[in-house]
Protein backbone atom coordinates (compact mmCIF):
# COMPACT_ATOMS: atom_id res chain seq x y z
CA MET A 1 -34.15 -53.77 35.93
CA GLY A 2 -33.40 -50.06 35.53
CA LYS A 3 -31.26 -49.14 32.55
CA ALA A 4 -30.76 -45.48 33.52
CA THR A 5 -29.78 -43.84 36.78
CA LEU A 6 -29.12 -40.30 37.95
CA VAL A 7 -25.74 -39.70 39.53
CA LEU A 8 -24.90 -36.44 41.29
CA ILE A 9 -21.44 -35.53 42.49
CA LYS A 10 -22.46 -33.36 45.41
CA PRO A 11 -20.87 -30.06 46.50
CA ASP A 12 -18.54 -31.73 49.02
CA GLY A 13 -17.22 -34.04 46.27
CA LEU A 14 -16.54 -31.02 44.06
CA LYS A 15 -14.93 -29.02 46.87
CA LYS A 16 -12.58 -31.92 47.64
CA SER A 17 -11.66 -32.25 43.93
CA LEU A 18 -12.97 -35.83 43.84
CA THR A 19 -14.63 -35.60 40.42
CA GLY A 20 -11.88 -37.50 38.60
CA ASN A 21 -11.62 -40.15 41.31
CA ILE A 22 -15.40 -40.69 41.33
CA LEU A 23 -15.65 -40.84 37.52
CA THR A 24 -12.78 -43.34 37.44
CA ARG A 25 -14.58 -45.53 39.97
CA LEU A 26 -17.89 -45.23 38.06
CA SER A 27 -16.11 -46.33 34.87
CA GLU A 28 -15.78 -49.76 36.51
CA THR A 29 -19.50 -50.24 35.85
CA LYS A 30 -18.91 -50.23 32.05
CA LEU A 31 -22.02 -48.03 31.73
CA ASP A 32 -22.34 -45.13 29.28
CA ILE A 33 -22.73 -41.50 30.33
CA VAL A 34 -25.65 -40.26 28.20
CA ALA A 35 -26.08 -36.83 29.82
CA ALA A 36 -23.87 -34.60 31.96
CA ARG A 37 -23.88 -31.04 33.23
CA ILE A 38 -22.76 -28.80 36.03
CA ALA A 39 -25.75 -27.18 37.73
CA HIS A 40 -26.56 -24.66 40.40
CA VAL A 41 -29.21 -26.23 42.62
CA SER A 42 -32.17 -23.99 43.35
CA THR A 43 -34.12 -24.42 46.58
CA ASP A 44 -37.10 -25.62 44.52
CA LEU A 45 -35.04 -28.26 42.70
CA ALA A 46 -33.48 -29.43 45.98
CA LYS A 47 -36.89 -29.75 47.65
CA GLU A 48 -38.34 -31.59 44.66
CA HIS A 49 -35.35 -33.91 44.46
CA TYR A 50 -35.64 -34.85 48.15
CA GLU A 51 -39.45 -34.62 48.45
CA ALA A 52 -39.69 -38.16 49.90
CA LEU A 53 -37.64 -36.96 52.89
CA SER A 54 -39.57 -33.72 53.49
CA ASP A 55 -41.00 -34.98 56.80
CA LYS A 56 -37.57 -35.85 58.24
CA PRO A 57 -35.95 -33.64 60.89
CA PHE A 58 -32.78 -33.36 58.77
CA PHE A 59 -34.63 -32.14 55.63
CA ASP A 60 -33.52 -28.48 55.92
CA ASP A 61 -29.87 -29.52 56.39
CA LEU A 62 -30.18 -31.82 53.37
CA ILE A 63 -31.47 -28.92 51.23
CA GLN A 64 -28.62 -26.66 52.39
CA TYR A 65 -26.11 -29.45 51.75
CA ILE A 66 -27.18 -30.22 48.17
CA ARG A 67 -27.35 -26.49 47.39
CA GLY A 68 -23.72 -26.11 48.50
CA ASP A 69 -24.41 -23.86 51.48
CA PHE A 70 -22.00 -25.87 53.65
CA HIS A 71 -19.12 -26.00 51.16
CA GLU A 72 -18.96 -22.69 49.24
CA LYS A 73 -19.31 -24.81 46.07
CA ARG A 74 -22.81 -23.98 44.98
CA LYS A 75 -22.96 -26.58 42.24
CA VAL A 76 -23.27 -30.27 41.53
CA MET A 77 -22.24 -32.43 38.60
CA ALA A 78 -25.34 -34.23 37.33
CA MET A 79 -25.05 -37.25 35.03
CA VAL A 80 -27.19 -40.00 33.60
CA TYR A 81 -25.51 -43.39 33.45
CA TYR A 82 -27.09 -45.88 31.05
CA GLY A 83 -26.85 -49.61 30.49
CA GLU A 84 -28.01 -52.99 31.75
CA GLY A 85 -28.39 -52.97 35.54
CA ALA A 86 -27.36 -49.32 35.82
CA ILE A 87 -29.13 -48.64 39.11
CA ALA A 88 -27.78 -51.71 40.92
CA LYS A 89 -24.24 -51.29 39.57
CA VAL A 90 -23.97 -47.62 40.57
CA ARG A 91 -25.62 -48.17 43.97
CA GLN A 92 -23.20 -50.97 44.79
CA LEU A 93 -20.21 -48.85 43.83
CA ALA A 94 -21.57 -45.80 45.72
CA GLY A 95 -22.04 -47.73 48.97
CA ALA A 96 -24.43 -47.17 51.86
CA THR A 97 -25.96 -43.71 52.33
CA ASN A 98 -24.36 -43.44 55.79
CA PRO A 99 -20.61 -43.13 55.12
CA GLU A 100 -19.86 -44.88 58.45
CA GLU A 101 -21.81 -47.95 57.30
CA ALA A 102 -20.52 -47.90 53.72
CA ASP A 103 -18.06 -50.55 52.58
CA ALA A 104 -14.54 -49.12 52.91
CA VAL A 105 -13.87 -49.65 49.18
CA SER A 106 -17.09 -47.92 48.08
CA ILE A 107 -17.13 -44.27 46.98
CA ARG A 108 -18.96 -43.17 50.13
CA GLY A 109 -16.80 -45.39 52.32
CA GLN A 110 -13.63 -43.85 50.90
CA TYR A 111 -14.65 -40.21 50.66
CA GLY A 112 -17.75 -39.62 52.82
CA ARG A 113 -18.01 -38.38 56.39
CA ILE A 114 -20.60 -37.38 58.95
CA THR A 115 -20.26 -33.81 60.19
CA THR A 116 -20.38 -32.87 63.84
CA LYS A 117 -23.94 -31.62 63.12
CA GLY A 118 -24.81 -35.13 61.96
CA VAL A 119 -25.09 -34.30 58.23
CA TYR A 120 -24.13 -37.18 55.93
CA GLU A 121 -21.58 -35.77 53.50
CA ASN A 122 -21.57 -38.76 51.19
CA VAL A 123 -20.20 -37.03 48.03
CA ILE A 124 -22.52 -38.81 45.58
CA HIS A 125 -26.20 -39.41 44.89
CA ALA A 126 -27.40 -42.49 43.01
CA SER A 127 -31.05 -43.25 42.24
CA ALA A 128 -32.51 -45.93 44.52
CA HIS A 129 -34.82 -47.68 42.05
CA LYS A 130 -36.36 -47.42 38.58
CA GLU A 131 -39.19 -45.06 39.59
CA ASP A 132 -36.82 -42.73 41.44
CA ALA A 133 -34.42 -42.74 38.51
CA GLU A 134 -37.11 -41.68 36.04
CA ARG A 135 -38.47 -38.95 38.34
CA GLU A 136 -34.98 -37.63 39.11
CA ILE A 137 -33.67 -37.71 35.54
CA LYS A 138 -36.75 -35.77 34.40
CA LEU A 139 -36.12 -33.22 37.18
CA TRP A 140 -32.48 -32.63 36.29
CA PHE A 141 -32.49 -32.95 32.48
CA GLU A 142 -34.60 -31.96 29.50
CA PRO A 143 -35.14 -34.70 26.87
CA GLU A 144 -32.82 -32.99 24.36
CA GLU A 145 -29.97 -33.05 26.91
CA VAL A 146 -29.96 -36.86 27.01
CA ILE A 147 -28.44 -38.56 23.95
CA VAL A 148 -30.67 -41.66 24.10
CA ASP A 149 -34.46 -41.88 24.22
CA LEU A 150 -35.06 -42.95 27.81
CA TYR A 151 -38.72 -42.12 28.19
CA PRO A 152 -41.61 -41.15 25.89
CA THR A 153 -41.50 -37.54 24.71
CA LYS A 154 -43.72 -35.25 22.70
CA MET A 155 -42.84 -32.40 20.39
CA HIS A 156 -43.86 -28.88 21.27
CA GLU A 157 -42.95 -25.41 20.12
CA LYS A 158 -40.76 -23.44 22.50
CA LYS A 159 -41.14 -19.69 22.55
CA ILE A 160 -38.57 -18.54 25.05
CA LEU A 161 -35.95 -15.86 25.18
CA GLY A 162 -32.50 -17.38 25.34
CA LYS A 163 -28.85 -16.48 25.18
CA THR A 164 -26.50 -17.08 22.27
CA TRP A 165 -22.75 -16.62 22.06
CA ALA A 166 -21.85 -13.06 20.99
């Protein structure tokens, strides 16, 4: 049973100011947030995140959607929820991927829609299973950004130019 899951509040959720509503609903799971950040989604990250769907006819729309091209909100809120049964609890609360099929009391059932182009605007992403969760969390977060040790790590020296507050 997966103890960690990636949750993304997608650009449409941010544009509709649903962040508070979604976080309130997710709090029903009694899971801990162990990492959180607002991120711009590069094309490379979007393609890597959705690589399993790369052969689908809607893949390009999906990339544009997660990047915020449809909503003028070019960001997502990425979080790692942690605790017993995290994946199942969050998936149940999120509801079916297709907002029309999602339970009316689920997050996607309440806030999602299908556009006239057929794009599922389902406001939230939740990892499907343990393997997806690990792959996705490692894509979106560095080990030092997560406050618990989820997966094995190794120490290495970083020699990069970075910013500091002036």
